[in-house]
Structures are given as structure tokens and as C-alpha cells.
Amino acid sequence: MELQDLRKNYGKGTIDDYSLPSDPMDWFEEWMKDALKASLSEANAMVLSTVSESGFPSSRIVLLKHFDHNHFYFFSSYDSRKALQLQSNPNASLLFFWPELERQVRIEGVVEQAAESVSDEYFYSRPLESRVSAAISPQSSVVASREALENMHKDFLAQYPDGNFTRPANWGGYKFLPRLIEFWQGRKNRLHDRIQFEREGFHWKRSRLAP
């Protein structure tokens, strides 16, 4: 396998200097709608990168479940590895990659726990099996075996056969406040479009970056 010989010519889209939006959150919404319209698999999947107390980065795929004009929202166990890292260092990054559209969005910012009402609303909207998994999983912890994990799941369902249980206190939402958002569009000859927005107070500074 000769990885250095792998090549792809981009050319599905362009970003014109004369039609750039002034608000990156509005632009993100447009691109997310394009990804959903194209029926991309897991269009809301994003790479969340956090940093440990020792300065080591860690990345994983999580799902974006909501966004508004100021924040991106995702959900997790508050005892997970990413949660413990965010507790010691709230700086993080997100990365969306939609290869079928030859687009990516890179975001840097600060994360904090969402309001309990936000966590409750999403938790109770989830299918039963997803709620059970959130309740029983000691996320990121070592488990004895697959069988032990499945037994925990079975025992919990036996305890709550009607699915009537409350959201675990150690599970809920996070809101990500962006301070830098970069939009990338693949172009021919590797002259890709890169438009960056940096937050300055209540406003955004826009720049074009070299590919």
C-alpha cells in the first residue's frame, strides 16, 4: 500500500469573496442543512478534542444534538474521560468533516455544563435503550467483561420494566461556546478555500487563510 500515491481532485464547491456571510453561526446552519439534505451518514458527527491536565490531547466522535446562535450542544457522562478533562481544562475543539461535499468546519472554544433543564429535555426524548445505557454505563471505566456489562443492562431493565426512571445525576449536556470557526471548502489544485472567524467581544472578525 503506497499511501503517498493516493490523490483526490476537489472541485464540488467554491467560497466567493463577494458573498461571504458576516455571521459564522448562520453559515454553519446553512452547511448543516446541506449535509442533511444530501442524506450524509451521521451528518451531525463531530470530533471533540480535549486536553488532559498533563497537556495530552484526546479525541473522539460525539454527536451534535442542538445548536443555536451562541452554542453547540452535546451530551455525555459527567464521569467520562472527556468530562474529567473538561473539568480541569474547559478549552476544546470540534471538527465536522463532510467528504461527500468536500467540506469541513473546525471550531475552537470553551465548554461548560448545560442547564439541568436542557439535560432533562434531551434525556427524556431519547429511546428507552439509550436512556438505559446512559444510566448503567460507567463510561470510560474498566469493566470485567462484555457479559458483565450486558448483565448490568438486563438487571436495570428488570428493575424498571416500565422504563420509568429519572435522568442520572452524572449524565447530561454540555454547551460549547465558539471563539474561532473555520470553514474549509476543497478546491482544484489544492488551492482550497479557508475562511476563518474569530470572536472579538460581541462581533466576529473574518479572514481568508492560505490553504
Protein backbone atom coordinates (compact mmCIF):
# COMPACT_ATOMS: atom_id res chain seq x y z
CA MET A 1 0.00 0.00 0.00
CA GLU A 2 1.55 3.27 -1.15
CA LEU A 3 -0.33 5.96 0.78
CA GLN A 4 1.75 8.74 -0.74
CA ASP A 5 0.21 7.92 -4.13
CA LEU A 6 -3.37 8.46 -3.00
CA ARG A 7 -4.80 11.54 -4.69
CA LYS A 8 -8.16 13.28 -4.86
CA ASN A 9 -9.07 16.24 -7.01
CA TYR A 10 -11.53 18.57 -5.31
CA GLY A 11 -13.93 20.83 -7.12
CA LYS A 12 -17.51 20.45 -5.91
CA GLY A 13 -17.82 23.91 -4.42
CA THR A 14 -16.37 27.38 -4.02
CA ILE A 15 -16.40 30.19 -1.46
CA ASP A 16 -16.63 33.56 -3.20
CA ASP A 17 -15.08 36.63 -1.55
CA TYR A 18 -18.07 38.70 -2.65
CA SER A 19 -20.74 36.58 -0.96
CA LEU A 20 -19.24 35.78 2.42
CA PRO A 21 -21.68 35.87 5.36
CA SER A 22 -20.90 38.06 8.36
CA ASP A 23 -22.09 35.56 10.97
CA PRO A 24 -20.43 32.12 11.12
CA MET A 25 -23.30 30.52 13.06
CA ASP A 26 -25.72 31.37 10.26
CA TRP A 27 -23.25 29.92 7.79
CA PHE A 28 -22.82 26.76 9.87
CA GLU A 29 -26.59 26.31 9.82
CA GLU A 30 -26.58 26.53 6.02
CA TRP A 31 -23.82 23.94 5.73
CA MET A 32 -25.52 21.60 8.21
CA LYS A 33 -28.73 21.86 6.19
CA ASP A 34 -26.74 20.99 3.05
CA ALA A 35 -25.28 17.93 4.78
CA LEU A 36 -28.71 16.77 5.95
CA LYS A 37 -30.25 17.41 2.54
CA ALA A 38 -27.53 15.28 0.97
CA SER A 39 -28.53 12.46 3.37
CA LEU A 40 -24.97 12.06 4.60
CA SER A 41 -24.43 9.33 7.18
CA GLU A 42 -24.14 10.81 10.68
CA ALA A 43 -24.06 14.37 9.34
CA ASN A 44 -24.06 15.64 12.95
CA ALA A 45 -21.00 13.59 13.94
CA MET A 46 -18.07 15.70 15.12
CA VAL A 47 -14.61 15.11 16.53
CA LEU A 48 -14.39 16.51 20.05
CA SER A 49 -10.81 17.09 21.22
CA THR A 50 -9.94 17.78 24.85
CA VAL A 51 -6.67 18.13 26.76
CA SER A 52 -5.62 16.38 29.96
CA GLU A 53 -4.06 18.06 32.99
CA SER A 54 -0.70 16.81 31.70
CA GLY A 55 -1.26 18.50 28.35
CA PHE A 56 -2.01 15.40 26.28
CA PRO A 57 -4.77 15.76 23.67
CA SER A 58 -7.55 13.23 23.33
CA SER A 59 -10.14 12.97 20.53
CA ARG A 60 -13.34 11.05 19.96
CA ILE A 61 -16.50 11.22 17.84
CA VAL A 62 -19.60 12.63 19.54
CA LEU A 63 -22.92 13.76 18.11
CA LEU A 64 -24.09 17.34 17.90
CA LYS A 65 -27.65 17.36 19.24
CA HIS A 66 -28.51 21.05 19.10
CA PHE A 67 -27.04 24.43 18.25
CA ASP A 68 -28.26 27.99 18.48
CA HIS A 69 -26.78 31.39 17.73
CA ASN A 70 -24.22 31.08 20.53
CA HIS A 71 -23.56 27.44 21.41
CA PHE A 72 -23.15 23.87 20.21
CA TYR A 73 -24.62 21.17 22.48
CA PHE A 74 -23.61 17.55 23.08
CA PHE A 75 -24.31 15.05 25.87
CA SER A 76 -22.20 12.63 27.88
CA SER A 77 -21.48 11.05 31.23
CA TYR A 78 -20.03 13.58 33.67
CA ASP A 79 -17.69 10.80 34.87
CA SER A 80 -16.23 10.06 31.43
CA ARG A 81 -12.66 10.76 30.42
CA LYS A 82 -13.65 13.76 28.32
CA ALA A 83 -15.76 15.13 31.17
CA LEU A 84 -12.87 14.91 33.64
CA GLN A 85 -10.58 16.60 31.13
CA LEU A 86 -13.10 19.38 30.51
CA GLN A 87 -13.42 19.87 34.25
CA SER A 88 -9.69 20.60 34.55
CA ASN A 89 -9.36 22.38 31.18
CA PRO A 90 -12.56 23.69 29.53
CA ASN A 91 -10.76 24.59 26.28
CA ALA A 92 -11.66 22.21 23.47
CA SER A 93 -12.18 21.90 19.72
CA LEU A 94 -14.78 20.45 17.37
CA LEU A 95 -14.30 19.20 13.83
CA PHE A 96 -17.01 18.40 11.29
CA PHE A 97 -15.96 16.64 8.09
CA TRP A 98 -18.35 16.05 5.20
CA PRO A 99 -16.17 14.41 2.50
CA GLU A 100 -19.05 13.98 0.07
CA LEU A 101 -19.40 17.79 0.00
CA GLU A 102 -15.62 18.34 0.26
CA ARG A 103 -16.18 20.48 3.34
CA GLN A 104 -15.02 20.71 6.91
CA VAL A 105 -15.67 23.09 9.78
CA ARG A 106 -13.08 23.49 12.54
CA ILE A 107 -14.14 25.13 15.80
CA GLU A 108 -12.23 26.18 18.93
CA GLY A 109 -13.85 27.31 22.14
CA VAL A 110 -14.77 26.77 25.77
CA VAL A 111 -17.10 24.13 27.20
CA GLU A 112 -19.30 24.16 30.29
CA GLN A 113 -22.17 22.06 31.56
CA ALA A 114 -25.59 22.91 30.18
CA ALA A 115 -28.56 23.76 32.37
CA GLU A 116 -30.29 20.80 34.02
CA SER A 117 -33.48 21.65 32.13
CA VAL A 118 -31.60 21.18 28.83
CA SER A 119 -30.24 17.82 30.00
CA ASP A 120 -33.67 16.67 31.19
CA GLU A 121 -35.41 17.65 27.97
CA TYR A 122 -32.98 15.73 25.82
CA PHE A 123 -32.69 12.71 28.13
CA TYR A 124 -36.44 12.06 28.23
CA SER A 125 -36.68 12.45 24.45
CA ARG A 126 -34.27 9.53 23.91
CA PRO A 127 -35.36 5.95 23.16
CA LEU A 128 -35.58 3.66 26.19
CA GLU A 129 -32.46 1.65 25.32
CA SER A 130 -30.40 4.84 25.01
CA ARG A 131 -31.63 6.06 28.39
CA VAL A 132 -30.83 2.70 29.98
CA SER A 133 -27.32 2.74 28.53
CA ALA A 134 -26.72 6.23 29.94
CA ALA A 135 -27.96 5.08 33.35
CA ILE A 136 -25.91 1.89 33.69
CA SER A 137 -22.67 2.62 31.85
CA PRO A 138 -19.65 3.63 33.96
CA GLN A 139 -18.33 5.36 30.87
CA SER A 140 -14.55 5.20 30.30
CA SER A 141 -14.10 2.87 33.30
CA VAL A 142 -12.71 -0.66 33.07
CA VAL A 143 -15.39 -3.39 33.09
CA ALA A 144 -14.77 -7.07 33.81
CA SER A 145 -16.24 -8.35 30.55
CA ARG A 146 -18.86 -7.84 27.87
CA GLU A 147 -21.07 -10.27 29.79
CA ALA A 148 -20.82 -8.15 32.94
CA LEU A 149 -21.91 -5.07 31.00
CA GLU A 150 -24.86 -6.89 29.46
CA ASN A 151 -25.89 -8.23 32.87
CA MET A 152 -25.92 -4.69 34.23
CA HIS A 153 -28.19 -3.73 31.36
CA LYS A 154 -30.52 -6.71 31.93
CA ASP A 155 -30.71 -6.16 35.70
CA PHE A 156 -31.55 -2.49 35.24
CA LEU A 157 -34.37 -3.28 32.82
CA ALA A 158 -35.70 -5.83 35.30
CA GLN A 159 -35.71 -3.13 37.98
CA TYR A 160 -37.52 -0.62 35.75
CA PRO A 161 -39.65 -2.73 33.35
CA ASP A 162 -41.86 0.26 32.52
CA GLY A 163 -38.84 2.45 31.66
CA ASN A 164 -39.90 4.98 34.27
CA PHE A 165 -36.66 6.24 35.83
CA THR A 166 -35.08 9.65 36.24
CA ARG A 167 -32.05 11.07 34.46
CA PRO A 168 -28.86 10.03 36.26
CA ALA A 169 -27.22 12.95 38.06
CA ASN A 170 -23.90 12.07 36.41
CA TRP A 171 -25.21 12.34 32.86
CA GLY A 172 -26.18 15.45 30.94
CA GLY A 173 -25.40 18.14 28.45
CA TYR A 174 -22.51 20.39 27.59
CA LYS A 175 -22.59 23.68 25.76
CA PHE A 176 -19.65 24.74 23.62
CA LEU A 177 -19.07 28.48 23.17
CA PRO A 178 -17.05 29.01 19.97
CA ARG A 179 -14.33 31.64 19.79
CA LEU A 180 -12.88 30.57 16.43
CA ILE A 181 -14.68 28.93 13.49
CA GLU A 182 -13.00 28.00 10.22
CA PHE A 183 -14.85 26.89 7.09
CA TRP A 184 -12.92 24.78 4.57
CA GLN A 185 -14.03 24.01 1.03
CA GLY A 186 -11.92 21.76 -1.19
CA ARG A 187 -10.80 23.36 -4.47
CA LYS A 188 -8.84 22.30 -7.53
CA ASN A 189 -5.03 22.30 -7.49
CA ARG A 190 -5.07 22.23 -3.68
CA LEU A 191 -5.96 25.94 -3.63
CA HIS A 192 -8.62 25.27 -1.02
CA ASP A 193 -10.90 27.96 0.40
CA ARG A 194 -10.40 28.65 4.11
CA ILE A 195 -12.48 31.34 5.81
CA GLN A 196 -11.84 31.99 9.48
CA PHE A 197 -13.96 33.85 12.03
CA GLU A 198 -12.51 34.97 15.37
CA ARG A 199 -14.74 36.28 18.13
CA GLU A 200 -13.90 39.81 19.27
CA GLY A 201 -16.32 40.72 22.04
CA PHE A 202 -19.80 40.53 20.57
CA HIS A 203 -18.54 40.58 16.99
CA TRP A 204 -16.68 38.29 14.61
CA LYS A 205 -13.53 39.15 12.67
CA ARG A 206 -13.43 37.42 9.29
CA SER A 207 -10.27 36.46 7.38
CA ARG A 208 -9.30 34.32 4.41
CA LEU A 209 -6.44 31.92 5.11
CA ALA A 210 -3.95 30.43 2.69
CA PRO A 211 -4.61 26.73 2.01
